[in-house]
C-alpha atoms as a PDB file:
ATOM      1  CA  UNK A   1       0.019   0.018   0.000  1.00  0.00           C
ATOM      2  CA  UNK A   2       2.790   2.433   0.943  1.00  0.00           C
ATOM      3  CA  UNK A   3       4.674   1.528  -2.252  1.00  0.00           C
ATOM      4  CA  UNK A   4       1.564   2.238  -4.395  1.00  0.00           C
ATOM      5  CA  UNK A   5       1.040   5.631  -2.686  1.00  0.00           C
ATOM      6  CA  UNK A   6       4.710   6.471  -3.177  1.00  0.00           C
ATOM      7  CA  UNK A   7       4.500   5.732  -6.897  1.00  0.00           C
ATOM      8  CA  UNK A   8       1.381   7.896  -7.277  1.00  0.00           C
ATOM      9  CA  UNK A   9       3.126  10.813  -5.553  1.00  0.00           C
ATOM     10  CA  UNK A  10       6.142  10.430  -7.860  1.00  0.00           C
ATOM     11  CA  UNK A  11       3.788  10.509 -10.852  1.00  0.00           C
ATOM     12  CA  UNK A  12       2.218  13.712  -9.688  1.00  0.00           C
ATOM     13  CA  UNK A  13       5.565  15.341  -8.947  1.00  0.00           C
ATOM     14  CA  UNK A  14       7.294  14.158 -12.111  1.00  0.00           C
ATOM     15  CA  UNK A  15       8.258  16.882 -14.581  1.00  0.00           C
ATOM     16  CA  UNK A  16       5.438  17.759 -16.870  1.00  0.00           C
ATOM     17  CA  UNK A  17       5.789  17.846 -20.660  1.00  0.00           C
ATOM     18  CA  UNK A  18       7.393  21.074 -21.690  1.00  0.00           C
ATOM     19  CA  UNK A  19       4.350  22.636 -23.312  1.00  0.00           C
ATOM     20  CA  UNK A  20       2.500  25.908 -23.121  1.00  0.00           C
ATOM     21  CA  UNK A  21       0.469  27.722 -25.747  1.00  0.00           C
ATOM     22  CA  UNK A  22      -2.808  27.731 -27.622  1.00  0.00           C
ATOM     23  CA  UNK A  23      -5.105  24.716 -27.999  1.00  0.00           C
ATOM     24  CA  UNK A  24      -8.002  24.674 -30.410  1.00  0.00           C
ATOM     25  CA  UNK A  25     -10.600  22.032 -31.197  1.00  0.00           C
ATOM     26  CA  UNK A  26     -13.460  21.600 -33.607  1.00  0.00           C
ATOM     27  CA  UNK A  27     -16.019  18.765 -33.375  1.00  0.00           C
ATOM     28  CA  UNK A  28     -18.900  17.746 -35.651  1.00  0.00           C
ATOM     29  CA  UNK A  29     -21.259  14.825 -36.015  1.00  0.00           C
ATOM     30  CA  UNK A  30     -24.846  13.735 -35.592  1.00  0.00           C
ATOM     31  CA  UNK A  31     -27.069  13.697 -32.481  1.00  0.00           C
ATOM     32  CA  UNK A  32     -29.777  11.112 -31.711  1.00  0.00           C
ATOM     33  CA  UNK A  33     -32.452  11.627 -29.089  1.00  0.00           C
ATOM     34  CA  UNK A  34     -33.603   8.927 -26.684  1.00  0.00           C
ATOM     35  CA  UNK A  35     -35.554  11.214 -24.291  1.00  0.00           C
ATOM     36  CA  UNK A  36     -36.917  14.709 -24.567  1.00  0.00           C
ATOM     37  CA  UNK A  37     -39.861  15.389 -22.187  1.00  0.00           C
ATOM     38  CA  UNK A  38     -41.337  18.774 -21.577  1.00  0.00           C
ATOM     39  CA  UNK A  39     -44.161  20.288 -19.517  1.00  0.00           C
ATOM     40  CA  UNK A  40     -44.609  24.066 -19.563  1.00  0.00           C
ATOM     41  CA  UNK A  41     -45.510  25.450 -17.107  1.00  0.00           C
ATOM     42  CA  UNK A  42     -43.937  22.756 -15.005  1.00  0.00           C
ATOM     43  CA  UNK A  43     -46.840  22.576 -12.551  1.00  0.00           C
ATOM     44  CA  UNK A  44     -49.831  22.836 -14.929  1.00  0.00           C
ATOM     45  CA  UNK A  45     -48.880  22.118 -18.520  1.00  0.00           C
ATOM     46  CA  UNK A  46     -49.350  18.877 -20.425  1.00  0.00           C
ATOM     47  CA  UNK A  47     -46.369  16.575 -20.422  1.00  0.00           C
ATOM     48  CA  UNK A  48     -45.286  15.866 -23.981  1.00  0.00           C
ATOM     49  CA  UNK A  49     -42.495  13.697 -25.301  1.00  0.00           C
ATOM     50  CA  UNK A  50     -40.708  14.878 -28.423  1.00  0.00           C
ATOM     51  CA  UNK A  51     -39.564  11.258 -28.821  1.00  0.00           C
ATOM     52  CA  UNK A  52     -42.618   9.128 -27.954  1.00  0.00           C
ATOM     53  CA  UNK A  53     -45.509  11.490 -28.837  1.00  0.00           C
ATOM     54  CA  UNK A  54     -43.729  13.154 -31.776  1.00  0.00           C
ATOM     55  CA  UNK A  55     -40.908  12.027 -34.073  1.00  0.00           C
ATOM     56  CA  UNK A  56     -37.380  13.451 -33.707  1.00  0.00           C
ATOM     57  CA  UNK A  57     -34.886  12.869 -36.512  1.00  0.00           C
ATOM     58  CA  UNK A  58     -31.125  12.826 -36.102  1.00  0.00           C
ATOM     59  CA  UNK A  59     -29.612  16.318 -36.429  1.00  0.00           C
ATOM     60  CA  UNK A  60     -26.141  17.644 -37.378  1.00  0.00           C
ATOM     61  CA  UNK A  61     -24.151  19.186 -34.558  1.00  0.00           C
ATOM     62  CA  UNK A  62     -20.818  20.984 -34.068  1.00  0.00           C
ATOM     63  CA  UNK A  63     -18.900  22.663 -31.317  1.00  0.00           C
ATOM     64  CA  UNK A  64     -15.710  24.728 -31.030  1.00  0.00           C
ATOM     65  CA  UNK A  65     -13.244  25.083 -28.197  1.00  0.00           C
ATOM     66  CA  UNK A  66     -10.294  27.461 -27.748  1.00  0.00           C
ATOM     67  CA  UNK A  67      -7.863  27.298 -24.875  1.00  0.00           C
ATOM     68  CA  UNK A  68      -4.524  28.451 -23.505  1.00  0.00           C
ATOM     69  CA  UNK A  69      -2.185  26.420 -21.350  1.00  0.00           C
ATOM     70  CA  UNK A  70      -0.274  28.369 -18.709  1.00  0.00           C
ATOM     71  CA  UNK A  71       2.816  27.107 -16.863  1.00  0.00           C
ATOM     72  CA  UNK A  72       2.402  23.546 -18.179  1.00  0.00           C
ATOM     73  CA  UNK A  73      -0.353  22.258 -15.908  1.00  0.00           C
ATOM     74  CA  UNK A  74      -2.936  25.076 -16.000  1.00  0.00           C
ATOM     75  CA  UNK A  75      -5.453  25.182 -18.853  1.00  0.00           C
ATOM     76  CA  UNK A  76      -8.236  27.730 -19.496  1.00  0.00           C
ATOM     77  CA  UNK A  77     -10.746  26.986 -22.301  1.00  0.00           C
ATOM     78  CA  UNK A  78     -13.795  28.632 -23.861  1.00  0.00           C
ATOM     79  CA  UNK A  79     -16.436  26.478 -25.523  1.00  0.00           C
ATOM     80  CA  UNK A  80     -19.324  27.162 -27.861  1.00  0.00           C
ATOM     81  CA  UNK A  81     -21.729  24.203 -28.288  1.00  0.00           C
ATOM     82  CA  UNK A  82     -25.054  24.861 -30.023  1.00  0.00           C
ATOM     83  CA  UNK A  83     -27.780  22.225 -30.247  1.00  0.00           C
ATOM     84  CA  UNK A  84     -31.122  22.157 -32.064  1.00  0.00           C
ATOM     85  CA  UNK A  85     -33.473  19.286 -32.761  1.00  0.00           C
ATOM     86  CA  UNK A  86     -36.912  19.391 -34.394  1.00  0.00           C
ATOM     87  CA  UNK A  87     -39.842  17.040 -33.780  1.00  0.00           C
ATOM     88  CA  UNK A  88     -42.979  16.614 -35.873  1.00  0.00           C
ATOM     89  CA  UNK A  89     -46.253  14.782 -35.687  1.00  0.00           C
ATOM     90  CA  UNK A  90     -49.515  14.964 -33.745  1.00  0.00           C
ATOM     91  CA  UNK A  91     -50.759  13.957 -30.300  1.00  0.00           C
ATOM     92  CA  UNK A  92     -53.951  12.068 -29.523  1.00  0.00           C
ATOM     93  CA  UNK A  93     -54.891  14.352 -26.620  1.00  0.00           C
ATOM     94  CA  UNK A  94     -55.177  18.088 -26.084  1.00  0.00           C
ATOM     95  CA  UNK A  95     -51.863  19.708 -25.183  1.00  0.00           C
ATOM     96  CA  UNK A  96     -51.600  22.696 -22.830  1.00  0.00           C
ATOM     97  CA  UNK A  97     -48.255  24.376 -23.493  1.00  0.00           C
ATOM     98  CA  UNK A  98     -47.022  27.785 -22.334  1.00  0.00           C
ATOM     99  CA  UNK A  99     -50.538  29.182 -22.043  1.00  0.00           C
ATOM    100  CA  UNK A 100     -51.850  27.787 -25.321  1.00  0.00           C
ATOM    101  CA  UNK A 101     -54.095  24.834 -26.124  1.00  0.00           C
ATOM    102  CA  UNK A 102     -53.348  22.508 -29.061  1.00  0.00           C
ATOM    103  CA  UNK A 103     -56.348  20.234 -29.800  1.00  0.00           C
ATOM    104  CA  UNK A 104     -55.852  16.502 -30.236  1.00  0.00           C
ATOM    105  CA  UNK A 105     -54.712  15.588 -33.713  1.00  0.00           C
ATOM    106  CA  UNK A 106     -53.284  18.984 -34.521  1.00  0.00           C
ATOM    107  CA  UNK A 107     -50.118  18.750 -36.737  1.00  0.00           C
ATOM    108  CA  UNK A 108     -47.268  19.970 -34.545  1.00  0.00           C
ATOM    109  CA  UNK A 109     -43.700  21.184 -34.891  1.00  0.00           C
ATOM    110  CA  UNK A 110     -41.666  21.229 -31.732  1.00  0.00           C
ATOM    111  CA  UNK A 111     -38.250  22.927 -31.630  1.00  0.00           C
ATOM    112  CA  UNK A 112     -35.766  22.197 -28.842  1.00  0.00           C
ATOM    113  CA  UNK A 113     -32.714  24.416 -28.665  1.00  0.00           C
ATOM    114  CA  UNK A 114     -29.953  24.213 -26.063  1.00  0.00           C
ATOM    115  CA  UNK A 115     -26.943  26.417 -26.778  1.00  0.00           C
ATOM    116  CA  UNK A 116     -24.061  26.229 -24.289  1.00  0.00           C
ATOM    117  CA  UNK A 117     -21.298  28.695 -23.621  1.00  0.00           C
ATOM    118  CA  UNK A 118     -18.634  27.526 -21.137  1.00  0.00           C
ATOM    119  CA  UNK A 119     -15.490  28.807 -19.553  1.00  0.00           C
ATOM    120  CA  UNK A 120     -13.361  26.100 -17.905  1.00  0.00           C
ATOM    121  CA  UNK A 121     -10.288  26.065 -15.733  1.00  0.00           C
ATOM    122  CA  UNK A 122      -8.602  22.791 -15.036  1.00  0.00           C
ATOM    123  CA  UNK A 123      -5.335  21.674 -13.445  1.00  0.00           C
ATOM    124  CA  UNK A 124      -3.387  18.642 -14.589  1.00  0.00           C
ATOM    125  CA  UNK A 125      -2.724  16.558 -11.518  1.00  0.00           C
ATOM    126  CA  UNK A 126      -0.681  14.137 -13.709  1.00  0.00           C
ATOM    127  CA  UNK A 127       0.696  15.682 -16.913  1.00  0.00           C
ATOM    128  CA  UNK A 128       3.513  13.785 -18.498  1.00  0.00           C
ATOM    129  CA  UNK A 129       4.308  12.041 -21.767  1.00  0.00           C
ATOM    130  CA  UNK A 130       1.346   9.856 -22.670  1.00  0.00           C
ATOM    131  CA  UNK A 131      -0.869  10.737 -19.706  1.00  0.00           C
ATOM    132  CA  UNK A 132      -2.950  13.764 -18.671  1.00  0.00           C
ATOM    133  CA  UNK A 133      -5.236  13.462 -15.639  1.00  0.00           C
ATOM    134  CA  UNK A 134      -6.884  16.815 -14.849  1.00  0.00           C
ATOM    135  CA  UNK A 135      -9.766  18.272 -12.837  1.00  0.00           C
ATOM    136  CA  UNK A 136     -11.354  21.706 -12.656  1.00  0.00           C
ATOM    137  CA  UNK A 137     -14.473  23.857 -12.717  1.00  0.00           C
ATOM    138  CA  UNK A 138     -16.702  25.012 -15.545  1.00  0.00           C
ATOM    139  CA  UNK A 139     -18.910  28.118 -15.649  1.00  0.00           C
ATOM    140  CA  UNK A 140     -21.735  27.420 -18.078  1.00  0.00           C
ATOM    141  CA  UNK A 141     -24.273  29.773 -19.571  1.00  0.00           C
ATOM    142  CA  UNK A 142     -27.211  27.913 -21.117  1.00  0.00           C
ATOM    143  CA  UNK A 143     -29.458  29.543 -23.688  1.00  0.00           C
ATOM    144  CA  UNK A 144     -32.417  27.163 -24.004  1.00  0.00           C
ATOM    145  CA  UNK A 145     -35.721  27.216 -25.851  1.00  0.00           C
ATOM    146  CA  UNK A 146     -38.650  24.841 -26.253  1.00  0.00           C
ATOM    147  CA  UNK A 147     -41.183  25.934 -28.845  1.00  0.00           C
ATOM    148  CA  UNK A 148     -44.449  24.425 -30.180  1.00  0.00           C
ATOM    149  CA  UNK A 149     -46.074  25.384 -33.453  1.00  0.00           C
ATOM    150  CA  UNK A 150     -49.536  24.337 -34.657  1.00  0.00           C
ATOM    151  CA  UNK A 151     -52.855  26.218 -34.326  1.00  0.00           C
ATOM    152  CA  UNK A 152     -50.777  28.587 -32.192  1.00  0.00           C
ATOM    153  CA  UNK A 153     -47.104  29.394 -31.758  1.00  0.00           C
ATOM    154  CA  UNK A 154     -45.758  29.340 -28.219  1.00  0.00           C
ATOM    155  CA  UNK A 155     -42.249  29.166 -26.868  1.00  0.00           C
ATOM    156  CA  UNK A 156     -40.431  29.056 -23.581  1.00  0.00           C
ATOM    157  CA  UNK A 157     -36.908  30.414 -23.302  1.00  0.00           C
ATOM    158  CA  UNK A 158     -34.519  30.166 -20.395  1.00  0.00           C
ATOM    159  CA  UNK A 159     -31.043  31.618 -19.970  1.00  0.00           C
ATOM    160  CA  UNK A 160     -29.078  30.879 -16.858  1.00  0.00           C
ATOM    161  CA  UNK A 161     -25.817  30.110 -15.168  1.00  0.00           C
ATOM    162  CA  UNK A 162     -24.815  26.526 -14.234  1.00  0.00           C
ATOM    163  CA  UNK A 163     -21.560  25.603 -12.389  1.00  0.00           C
ATOM    164  CA  UNK A 164     -20.091  22.269 -13.369  1.00  0.00           C
ATOM    165  CA  UNK A 165     -17.186  20.030 -12.400  1.00  0.00           C
ATOM    166  CA  UNK A 166     -14.765  19.171 -15.159  1.00  0.00           C
ATOM    167  CA  UNK A 167     -12.828  15.871 -15.399  1.00  0.00           C
ATOM    168  CA  UNK A 168     -10.345  15.100 -18.177  1.00  0.00           C
ATOM    169  CA  UNK A 169      -8.218  12.018 -18.806  1.00  0.00           C
ATOM    170  CA  UNK A 170      -6.115  11.573 -21.929  1.00  0.00           C
ATOM    171  CA  UNK A 171      -3.936   8.453 -22.385  1.00  0.00           C
ATOM    172  CA  UNK A 172      -1.563   7.461 -25.181  1.00  0.00           C
ATOM    173  CA  UNK A 173       0.218   4.188 -24.226  1.00  0.00           C
ATOM    174  CA  UNK A 174       3.961   4.478 -24.489  1.00  0.00           C
ATOM    175  CA  UNK A 175       3.491   8.013 -25.766  1.00  0.00           C
ATOM    176  CA  UNK A 176       2.493   6.544 -29.099  1.00  0.00           C
ATOM    177  CA  UNK A 177       0.236   7.929 -31.807  1.00  0.00           C
ATOM    178  CA  UNK A 178      -3.007   6.240 -30.620  1.00  0.00           C
ATOM    179  CA  UNK A 179      -4.883   6.710 -27.404  1.00  0.00           C
ATOM    180  CA  UNK A 180      -8.145   7.434 -25.622  1.00  0.00           C
ATOM    181  CA  UNK A 181      -9.693  10.556 -24.086  1.00  0.00           C
ATOM    182  CA  UNK A 182     -12.452  10.975 -21.523  1.00  0.00           C
ATOM    183  CA  UNK A 183     -13.771  14.506 -20.929  1.00  0.00           C
ATOM    184  CA  UNK A 184     -16.770  15.359 -18.744  1.00  0.00           C
ATOM    185  CA  UNK A 185     -18.642  18.368 -17.413  1.00  0.00           C
ATOM    186  CA  UNK A 186     -21.238  17.320 -14.838  1.00  0.00           C
ATOM    187  CA  UNK A 187     -23.109  18.270 -11.683  1.00  0.00           C
ATOM    188  CA  UNK A 188     -26.346  17.209  -9.900  1.00  0.00           C
ATOM    189  CA  UNK A 189     -28.438  19.280  -7.525  1.00  0.00           C
ATOM    190  CA  UNK A 190     -32.014  19.197  -6.132  1.00  0.00           C
ATOM    191  CA  UNK A 191     -33.036  21.717  -8.862  1.00  0.00           C
ATOM    192  CA  UNK A 192     -31.781  19.515 -11.696  1.00  0.00           C
ATOM    193  CA  UNK A 193     -28.707  17.920 -13.219  1.00  0.00           C
ATOM    194  CA  UNK A 194     -26.439  18.164 -16.234  1.00  0.00           C
ATOM    195  CA  UNK A 195     -23.886  15.752 -17.763  1.00  0.00           C
ATOM    196  CA  UNK A 196     -21.832  16.211 -20.911  1.00  0.00           C
ATOM    197  CA  UNK A 197     -19.432  13.278 -21.387  1.00  0.00           C
ATOM    198  CA  UNK A 198     -17.111  12.369 -24.307  1.00  0.00           C
ATOM    199  CA  UNK A 199     -15.337   9.097 -24.766  1.00  0.00           C
ATOM    200  CA  UNK A 200     -13.185   8.962 -27.910  1.00  0.00           C
ATOM    201  CA  UNK A 201     -10.294   7.226 -29.597  1.00  0.00           C
ATOM    202  CA  UNK A 202      -7.461   9.543 -30.583  1.00  0.00           C
ATOM    203  CA  UNK A 203      -4.765   9.567 -33.272  1.00  0.00           C
ATOM    204  CA  UNK A 204      -1.929  12.079 -33.234  1.00  0.00           C
ATOM    205  CA  UNK A 205      -1.121  11.768 -36.924  1.00  0.00           C
ATOM    206  CA  UNK A 206       1.244  14.766 -36.779  1.00  0.00           C
ATOM    207  CA  UNK A 207       2.878  16.648 -33.938  1.00  0.00           C
ATOM    208  CA  UNK A 208       0.309  19.089 -32.637  1.00  0.00           C
ATOM    209  CA  UNK A 209      -2.576  17.589 -34.643  1.00  0.00           C
ATOM    210  CA  UNK A 210      -4.875  14.991 -33.097  1.00  0.00           C
ATOM    211  CA  UNK A 211      -7.941  13.354 -34.665  1.00  0.00           C
ATOM    212  CA  UNK A 212     -10.716  12.164 -32.378  1.00  0.00           C
ATOM    213  CA  UNK A 213     -13.652   9.825 -33.134  1.00  0.00           C
ATOM    214  CA  UNK A 214     -16.071   8.788 -30.458  1.00  0.00           C
ATOM    215  CA  UNK A 215     -19.341   9.022 -28.532  1.00  0.00           C
ATOM    216  CA  UNK A 216     -20.711  11.965 -26.592  1.00  0.00           C
ATOM    217  CA  UNK A 217     -23.630  11.864 -24.183  1.00  0.00           C
ATOM    218  CA  UNK A 218     -25.584  14.974 -23.111  1.00  0.00           C
ATOM    219  CA  UNK A 219     -28.222  14.464 -20.367  1.00  0.00           C
ATOM    220  CA  UNK A 220     -30.013  16.502 -17.803  1.00  0.00           C
ATOM    221  CA  UNK A 221     -32.927  18.757 -16.997  1.00  0.00           C
ATOM    222  CA  UNK A 222     -34.907  20.575 -14.335  1.00  0.00           C
ATOM    223  CA  UNK A 223     -38.242  20.146 -12.553  1.00  0.00           C
ATOM    224  CA  UNK A 224     -39.862  23.249 -11.070  1.00  0.00           C
ATOM    225  CA  UNK A 225     -43.054  25.280 -11.248  1.00  0.00           C
ATOM    226  CA  UNK A 226     -41.840  27.184 -14.270  1.00  0.00           C
ATOM    227  CA  UNK A 227     -40.594  24.331 -16.409  1.00  0.00           C
ATOM    228  CA  UNK A 228     -40.295  20.522 -16.456  1.00  0.00           C
ATOM    229  CA  UNK A 229     -37.702  19.448 -19.024  1.00  0.00           C
ATOM    230  CA  UNK A 230     -35.499  16.367 -19.206  1.00  0.00           C
ATOM    231  CA  UNK A 231     -33.549  15.269 -22.246  1.00  0.00           C
ATOM    232  CA  UNK A 232     -30.957  12.610 -23.174  1.00  0.00           C
ATOM    233  CA  UNK A 233     -28.919  13.001 -26.340  1.00  0.00           C
ATOM    234  CA  UNK A 234     -26.362  10.658 -27.965  1.00  0.00           C
ATOM    235  CA  UNK A 235     -23.689  11.993 -30.353  1.00  0.00           C
ATOM    236  CA  UNK A 236     -21.540  10.288 -32.911  1.00  0.00           C
ATOM    237  CA  UNK A 237     -18.666  12.765 -33.427  1.00  0.00           C
ATOM    238  CA  UNK A 238     -15.298  13.383 -35.020  1.00  0.00           C
ATOM    239  CA  UNK A 239     -13.009  16.171 -33.986  1.00  0.00           C
ATOM    240  CA  UNK A 240      -9.649  17.746 -34.606  1.00  0.00           C
ATOM    241  CA  UNK A 241      -7.454  19.176 -31.904  1.00  0.00           C
ATOM    242  CA  UNK A 242      -4.647  21.579 -32.749  1.00  0.00           C
ATOM    243  CA  UNK A 243      -1.827  22.775 -30.524  1.00  0.00           C
ATOM    244  CA  UNK A 244       0.233  25.856 -31.415  1.00  0.00           C
END
């Protein structure tokens, strides 16, 4: 036990890779929806599922991240991650939504938008050739909207601040070209929860250029008098990270 603890301490204190500078990343892919439930207002509206009551098709997605590494182990990043999915169909019951009534059988278009702006600071606890284990905090601004169009047009928007915990693990065995990366922003509270998790395979095909292909999960929501909204999205993504 003491030997294991000693090894872990040495890993943390070992000299980091000599790197400081700009990091940029672009990511694109498609998003699939397994849950998207809404009730607006949260205490009196009709609960409607954009997946079970309506039909939601896969949608294209992208996100961009820009960061700067300071003194080897410190990284600050800014992220822009928009999301929009549309659902169409009709419901076999009357729907009360945001003060409007949509009679049963009315053709409906539902729009769900969840744009995310994040500023993250994280510290690499272990940062050496082939391994980066980091943790930090994320300040997130969400710009969300749920809209329903039919005999009427109603929408509910919500902009707010959400603090998240950031975890990042990147591993390239023997400091080779291929590896794995796990990156997560997440937090749960009585008012709701949010998780954004990426698991991807990586290929550094050129120094400072890394290709990523993997799966991203976005899940969360809130339940209060104003709004009830819970969604679960699954992404198939490819990305490119660049270091300058």
